[in-house]
Amino acid sequence: MARTYAGVLGALAFTTALIRGLIQGGGTESTLGISLVCLAAFGLIGLVAGAVAEATVENDLRMRIRNEQR
């Protein structure tokens, strides 16, 4: 789940920054540089968010299984 979140958020941030640079008429190198920074930053954010979500789901499933066994 963490890798999926990282991939989706990173790709979304890259695309958004790229489109923003194209609309505002930024230079190719600076637009790609900013887009890559956004890709890395939001990829890391997505990785953390996905890991937290995965841990939350696993914890909830463990609790449900324990409660059903009682």
N, C-alpha and C. Protein backbone atom coordinates (compact mmCIF):
# COMPACT_ATOMS: atom_id res chain seq x y z
N MET A 1 0.82 -1.18 0.00
CA MET A 1 0.00 0.00 0.00
C MET A 1 0.87 1.26 0.00
N ALA A 2 1.98 1.20 0.71
CA ALA A 2 2.85 2.37 0.81
C ALA A 2 3.45 2.73 -0.56
N ARG A 3 3.88 1.71 -1.29
CA ARG A 3 4.46 1.99 -2.62
C ARG A 3 3.41 2.54 -3.57
N THR A 4 2.19 2.07 -3.45
CA THR A 4 1.11 2.56 -4.31
C THR A 4 0.84 4.03 -4.03
N TYR A 5 0.72 4.38 -2.75
CA TYR A 5 0.50 5.78 -2.38
C TYR A 5 1.64 6.65 -2.88
N ALA A 6 2.88 6.18 -2.70
CA ALA A 6 4.05 6.94 -3.13
C ALA A 6 4.03 7.16 -4.64
N GLY A 7 3.70 6.11 -5.39
CA GLY A 7 3.65 6.23 -6.84
C GLY A 7 2.57 7.17 -7.33
N VAL A 8 1.41 7.08 -6.72
CA VAL A 8 0.29 7.93 -7.14
C VAL A 8 0.55 9.39 -6.79
N LEU A 9 0.94 9.65 -5.54
CA LEU A 9 1.18 11.04 -5.14
C LEU A 9 2.37 11.65 -5.88
N GLY A 10 3.42 10.87 -6.07
CA GLY A 10 4.59 11.37 -6.79
C GLY A 10 4.26 11.71 -8.23
N ALA A 11 3.55 10.80 -8.91
CA ALA A 11 3.17 11.05 -10.30
C ALA A 11 2.22 12.23 -10.42
N LEU A 12 1.30 12.34 -9.49
CA LEU A 12 0.36 13.46 -9.51
C LEU A 12 1.09 14.80 -9.30
N ALA A 13 2.02 14.82 -8.36
CA ALA A 13 2.78 16.05 -8.11
C ALA A 13 3.66 16.41 -9.31
N PHE A 14 4.30 15.41 -9.91
CA PHE A 14 5.14 15.66 -11.08
C PHE A 14 4.31 16.25 -12.22
N THR A 15 3.17 15.63 -12.48
CA THR A 15 2.31 16.09 -13.57
C THR A 15 1.78 17.49 -13.31
N THR A 16 1.36 17.74 -12.08
CA THR A 16 0.84 19.06 -11.72
C THR A 16 1.91 20.14 -11.88
N ALA A 17 3.11 19.87 -11.41
CA ALA A 17 4.20 20.84 -11.53
C ALA A 17 4.58 21.05 -12.99
N LEU A 18 4.56 19.98 -13.77
CA LEU A 18 4.89 20.08 -15.19
C LEU A 18 3.86 20.92 -15.93
N ILE A 19 2.60 20.67 -15.69
CA ILE A 19 1.53 21.45 -16.33
C ILE A 19 1.60 22.91 -15.90
N ARG A 20 1.85 23.14 -14.61
CA ARG A 20 1.97 24.52 -14.10
C ARG A 20 3.10 25.25 -14.83
N GLY A 21 4.24 24.57 -14.99
CA GLY A 21 5.37 25.19 -15.68
C GLY A 21 5.07 25.48 -17.14
N LEU A 22 4.34 24.58 -17.79
CA LEU A 22 3.99 24.79 -19.19
C LEU A 22 3.00 25.95 -19.35
N ILE A 23 2.04 26.03 -18.45
CA ILE A 23 1.05 27.11 -18.52
C ILE A 23 1.69 28.47 -18.27
N GLN A 24 2.58 28.52 -17.29
CA GLN A 24 3.21 29.79 -16.95
C GLN A 24 4.40 30.13 -17.85
N GLY A 25 4.72 29.24 -18.76
CA GLY A 25 5.79 29.52 -19.71
C GLY A 25 7.17 29.46 -19.11
N GLY A 26 7.37 28.61 -18.14
CA GLY A 26 8.68 28.47 -17.51
C GLY A 26 9.65 27.76 -18.45
N GLY A 27 10.92 27.87 -18.15
CA GLY A 27 11.94 27.21 -18.94
C GLY A 27 11.87 25.70 -18.77
N THR A 28 12.36 25.00 -19.76
CA THR A 28 12.29 23.54 -19.75
C THR A 28 13.07 22.95 -18.59
N GLU A 29 14.30 23.41 -18.40
CA GLU A 29 15.15 22.86 -17.34
C GLU A 29 14.59 23.15 -15.96
N SER A 30 14.16 24.38 -15.74
CA SER A 30 13.63 24.72 -14.42
C SER A 30 12.31 24.00 -14.14
N THR A 31 11.47 23.87 -15.17
CA THR A 31 10.19 23.17 -15.00
C THR A 31 10.43 21.70 -14.67
N LEU A 32 11.33 21.06 -15.39
CA LEU A 32 11.63 19.66 -15.11
C LEU A 32 12.31 19.49 -13.75
N GLY A 33 13.15 20.42 -13.38
CA GLY A 33 13.80 20.36 -12.07
C GLY A 33 12.80 20.45 -10.94
N ILE A 34 11.90 21.41 -11.04
CA ILE A 34 10.86 21.56 -10.01
C ILE A 34 9.96 20.33 -9.99
N SER A 35 9.63 19.82 -11.16
CA SER A 35 8.77 18.64 -11.25
C SER A 35 9.42 17.43 -10.58
N LEU A 36 10.73 17.26 -10.79
CA LEU A 36 11.44 16.15 -10.17
C LEU A 36 11.52 16.29 -8.66
N VAL A 37 11.71 17.52 -8.19
CA VAL A 37 11.71 17.76 -6.74
C VAL A 37 10.34 17.44 -6.15
N CYS A 38 9.29 17.85 -6.84
CA CYS A 38 7.93 17.54 -6.39
C CYS A 38 7.67 16.04 -6.39
N LEU A 39 8.17 15.36 -7.42
CA LEU A 39 8.04 13.90 -7.50
C LEU A 39 8.68 13.24 -6.29
N ALA A 40 9.89 13.63 -5.97
CA ALA A 40 10.60 13.03 -4.84
C ALA A 40 9.92 13.36 -3.51
N ALA A 41 9.57 14.62 -3.32
CA ALA A 41 8.97 15.04 -2.05
C ALA A 41 7.63 14.36 -1.81
N PHE A 42 6.77 14.39 -2.81
CA PHE A 42 5.45 13.80 -2.62
C PHE A 42 5.51 12.27 -2.66
N GLY A 43 6.52 11.73 -3.30
CA GLY A 43 6.74 10.28 -3.23
C GLY A 43 7.05 9.86 -1.81
N LEU A 44 7.91 10.62 -1.13
CA LEU A 44 8.23 10.33 0.27
C LEU A 44 7.01 10.51 1.17
N ILE A 45 6.25 11.57 0.92
CA ILE A 45 5.03 11.80 1.70
C ILE A 45 4.05 10.64 1.49
N GLY A 46 3.91 10.21 0.26
CA GLY A 46 3.03 9.08 -0.04
C GLY A 46 3.51 7.80 0.59
N LEU A 47 4.83 7.60 0.63
CA LEU A 47 5.39 6.42 1.27
C LEU A 47 5.05 6.38 2.75
N VAL A 48 5.20 7.51 3.42
CA VAL A 48 4.87 7.59 4.84
C VAL A 48 3.36 7.41 5.06
N ALA A 49 2.55 8.10 4.27
CA ALA A 49 1.10 7.99 4.42
C ALA A 49 0.62 6.57 4.15
N GLY A 50 1.19 5.93 3.15
CA GLY A 50 0.83 4.55 2.84
C GLY A 50 1.23 3.59 3.94
N ALA A 51 2.40 3.81 4.53
CA ALA A 51 2.84 2.95 5.62
C ALA A 51 1.94 3.11 6.84
N VAL A 52 1.54 4.33 7.13
CA VAL A 52 0.62 4.57 8.25
C VAL A 52 -0.73 3.93 7.96
N ALA A 53 -1.23 4.07 6.75
CA ALA A 53 -2.51 3.47 6.38
C ALA A 53 -2.44 1.94 6.47
N GLU A 54 -1.35 1.38 6.00
CA GLU A 54 -1.19 -0.07 6.05
C GLU A 54 -1.14 -0.58 7.49
N ALA A 55 -0.40 0.12 8.34
CA ALA A 55 -0.32 -0.27 9.75
C ALA A 55 -1.69 -0.15 10.43
N THR A 56 -2.44 0.88 10.07
CA THR A 56 -3.77 1.07 10.65
C THR A 56 -4.71 -0.06 10.26
N VAL A 57 -4.69 -0.43 8.99
CA VAL A 57 -5.56 -1.51 8.51
C VAL A 57 -5.16 -2.83 9.15
N GLU A 58 -3.87 -3.11 9.22
CA GLU A 58 -3.41 -4.35 9.83
C GLU A 58 -3.79 -4.41 11.31
N ASN A 59 -3.64 -3.30 12.01
CA ASN A 59 -3.99 -3.25 13.42
C ASN A 59 -5.50 -3.48 13.60
N ASP A 60 -6.31 -2.89 12.76
CA ASP A 60 -7.75 -3.07 12.85
C ASP A 60 -8.14 -4.52 12.59
N LEU A 61 -7.51 -5.14 11.60
CA LEU A 61 -7.80 -6.54 11.31
C LEU A 61 -7.40 -7.45 12.47
N ARG A 62 -6.25 -7.18 13.07
CA ARG A 62 -5.83 -7.97 14.23
C ARG A 62 -6.82 -7.85 15.37
N MET A 63 -7.28 -6.64 15.62
CA MET A 63 -8.26 -6.42 16.70
C MET A 63 -9.57 -7.15 16.40
N ARG A 64 -10.02 -7.11 15.17
CA ARG A 64 -11.26 -7.81 14.81
C ARG A 64 -11.12 -9.32 14.96
N ILE A 65 -9.99 -9.84 14.55
CA ILE A 65 -9.76 -11.28 14.69
C ILE A 65 -9.72 -11.69 16.16
N ARG A 66 -9.05 -10.89 16.99
CA ARG A 66 -9.00 -11.18 18.43
C ARG A 66 -10.40 -11.14 19.03
N ASN A 67 -11.19 -10.16 18.64
CA ASN A 67 -12.54 -10.03 19.21
C ASN A 67 -13.45 -11.17 18.75
N GLU A 68 -13.26 -11.67 17.55
CA GLU A 68 -14.08 -12.77 17.05
C GLU A 68 -13.69 -14.09 17.70
N GLN A 69 -12.45 -14.22 18.09
CA GLN A 69 -12.00 -15.47 18.71
C GLN A 69 -12.47 -15.58 20.15
N ARG A 70 -12.86 -14.51 20.75
CA ARG A 70 -13.31 -14.54 22.15
C ARG A 70 -14.73 -14.92 22.27
